[in-house]
Amino acid sequence: MREIKAIIRPSRLSEVTEELHGIEGLPGVTISGIKGFGKNRAKNAEDKLVYEMVEFVPRIQLEMVVHAEIVDAVVNIIQKYAHTGNAGDGKIFVSTVDEVVKIRTNERGRDAI
């Protein structure tokens, strides 16, 4: 199992999630609004927020745990539909998940996702 975290522009969320819906076996996606800054420290960002004198840019974080067989499909869709070609398009992180436990049923592993 793998955890995929992607940080993308808010304006790309609709297209990315629409395409993710088409992936057979995708168990679900958690979506959060976040803010942060990258190498450019949000200095030239058009959509920046200033909070206590620090500049941030708003972004969306997608999180999901998937079976290893569909990781490439998920990553490819996020990369394709989140891409604008401009600085600040985001990042995708893929990590190994050792265990998953479904709280309601106590199912574990593959059955839990």
Protein backbone atom coordinates (compact mmCIF):
# COMPACT_ATOMS: atom_id res chain seq x y z
CA MET A 1 0.00 0.00 0.00
CA ARG A 2 1.12 3.54 -0.72
CA GLU A 3 0.15 6.94 0.57
CA ILE A 4 0.00 9.68 -2.03
CA LYS A 5 0.03 13.31 -0.93
CA ALA A 6 -0.26 15.99 -3.56
CA ILE A 7 -0.12 19.74 -3.11
CA ILE A 8 -1.80 21.53 -6.02
CA ARG A 9 -3.26 24.89 -7.00
CA PRO A 10 -6.89 25.39 -5.89
CA SER A 11 -7.86 26.22 -9.47
CA ARG A 12 -6.82 22.71 -10.61
CA LEU A 13 -8.81 20.77 -7.99
CA SER A 14 -11.94 20.27 -10.07
CA GLU A 15 -10.13 18.76 -13.07
CA VAL A 16 -7.86 16.57 -10.93
CA THR A 17 -10.70 15.11 -8.85
CA GLU A 18 -12.91 14.58 -11.89
CA GLU A 19 -10.18 12.48 -13.50
CA LEU A 20 -9.40 10.61 -10.27
CA HIS A 21 -13.05 9.49 -10.12
CA GLY A 22 -12.36 7.43 -13.23
CA ILE A 23 -9.69 5.26 -11.62
CA GLU A 24 -11.04 1.80 -10.86
CA GLY A 25 -10.11 0.74 -7.33
CA LEU A 26 -9.42 4.21 -5.94
CA PRO A 27 -10.74 3.94 -2.37
CA GLY A 28 -11.17 7.68 -1.76
CA VAL A 29 -9.44 11.02 -1.42
CA THR A 30 -9.14 13.44 1.50
CA ILE A 31 -8.94 17.09 0.48
CA SER A 32 -7.71 19.93 2.68
CA GLY A 33 -7.13 23.62 2.15
CA ILE A 34 -3.61 24.57 3.20
CA LYS A 35 -1.21 27.50 2.93
CA GLY A 36 2.55 27.58 2.68
CA PHE A 37 5.50 28.77 0.66
CA GLY A 38 8.17 27.20 -1.53
CA LYS A 39 11.62 28.22 -2.67
CA ASN A 40 10.39 31.60 -3.87
CA ARG A 41 8.91 32.34 -0.42
CA ALA A 42 5.63 33.53 -2.04
CA LYS A 43 7.26 36.89 -2.90
CA ASN A 44 5.96 37.04 -6.48
CA ALA A 45 2.77 35.02 -6.06
CA GLU A 46 -0.36 36.76 -7.31
CA ASP A 47 -2.59 34.88 -4.88
CA LYS A 48 -0.50 35.27 -1.73
CA LEU A 49 -1.85 35.71 1.78
CA VAL A 50 -0.06 37.69 4.47
CA TYR A 51 -0.39 36.34 7.98
CA GLU A 52 1.54 38.02 10.77
CA MET A 53 3.98 39.53 8.25
CA VAL A 54 4.75 36.19 6.55
CA GLU A 55 3.60 35.62 2.98
CA PHE A 56 1.89 32.34 2.08
CA VAL A 57 0.12 30.95 -0.96
CA PRO A 58 -3.11 28.98 -0.69
CA ARG A 59 -2.96 25.41 -1.95
CA ILE A 60 -5.00 22.22 -1.81
CA GLN A 61 -3.63 18.98 -0.35
CA LEU A 62 -4.96 15.67 -1.63
CA GLU A 63 -4.24 12.56 0.46
CA MET A 64 -5.05 8.96 -0.32
CA VAL A 65 -3.89 5.44 0.48
CA VAL A 66 -4.05 3.12 -2.51
CA HIS A 67 -2.99 -0.33 -3.61
CA ALA A 68 0.47 -0.34 -5.18
CA GLU A 69 -0.98 -1.40 -8.55
CA ILE A 70 -2.69 1.96 -9.15
CA VAL A 71 -0.01 4.34 -7.85
CA ASP A 72 1.31 5.19 -11.31
CA ALA A 73 -2.18 5.89 -12.65
CA VAL A 74 -2.99 8.20 -9.73
CA VAL A 75 0.33 10.06 -9.91
CA ASN A 76 0.07 10.46 -13.70
CA ILE A 77 -3.43 11.92 -13.49
CA ILE A 78 -2.48 14.37 -10.74
CA GLN A 79 0.64 15.45 -12.62
CA LYS A 80 -1.21 15.87 -15.91
CA TYR A 81 -4.23 17.77 -14.63
CA ALA A 82 -2.50 19.88 -11.95
CA HIS A 83 0.18 21.08 -14.38
CA THR A 84 0.12 24.69 -15.58
CA GLY A 85 3.82 25.03 -16.37
CA ASN A 86 4.29 27.84 -13.88
CA ALA A 87 6.29 27.95 -10.66
CA GLY A 88 4.14 26.80 -7.75
CA ASP A 89 2.30 23.98 -9.55
CA GLY A 90 2.96 21.78 -6.50
CA LYS A 91 4.45 18.45 -5.52
CA ILE A 92 3.42 14.79 -5.29
CA PHE A 93 4.81 12.59 -2.51
CA VAL A 94 4.53 8.79 -2.50
CA SER A 95 5.26 6.85 0.71
CA THR A 96 4.97 3.25 1.79
CA VAL A 97 2.19 2.42 4.25
CA ASP A 98 2.93 -0.47 6.60
CA GLU A 99 -0.52 -0.97 8.05
CA VAL A 100 -4.09 0.27 7.73
CA VAL A 101 -6.84 -0.43 10.28
CA LYS A 102 -10.47 0.36 9.56
CA ILE A 103 -11.80 1.61 12.88
CA ARG A 104 -15.44 0.57 12.40
CA THR A 105 -14.77 -3.07 11.44
CA ASN A 106 -11.20 -3.67 12.64
CA GLU A 107 -10.29 -4.86 9.13
CA ARG A 108 -6.58 -4.62 8.42
CA GLY A 109 -4.31 -4.29 5.43
CA ARG A 110 -5.75 -4.35 1.91
CA ASP A 111 -9.27 -5.00 3.18
CA ALA A 112 -9.17 -1.83 5.29
CA ILE A 113 -8.75 0.52 2.35
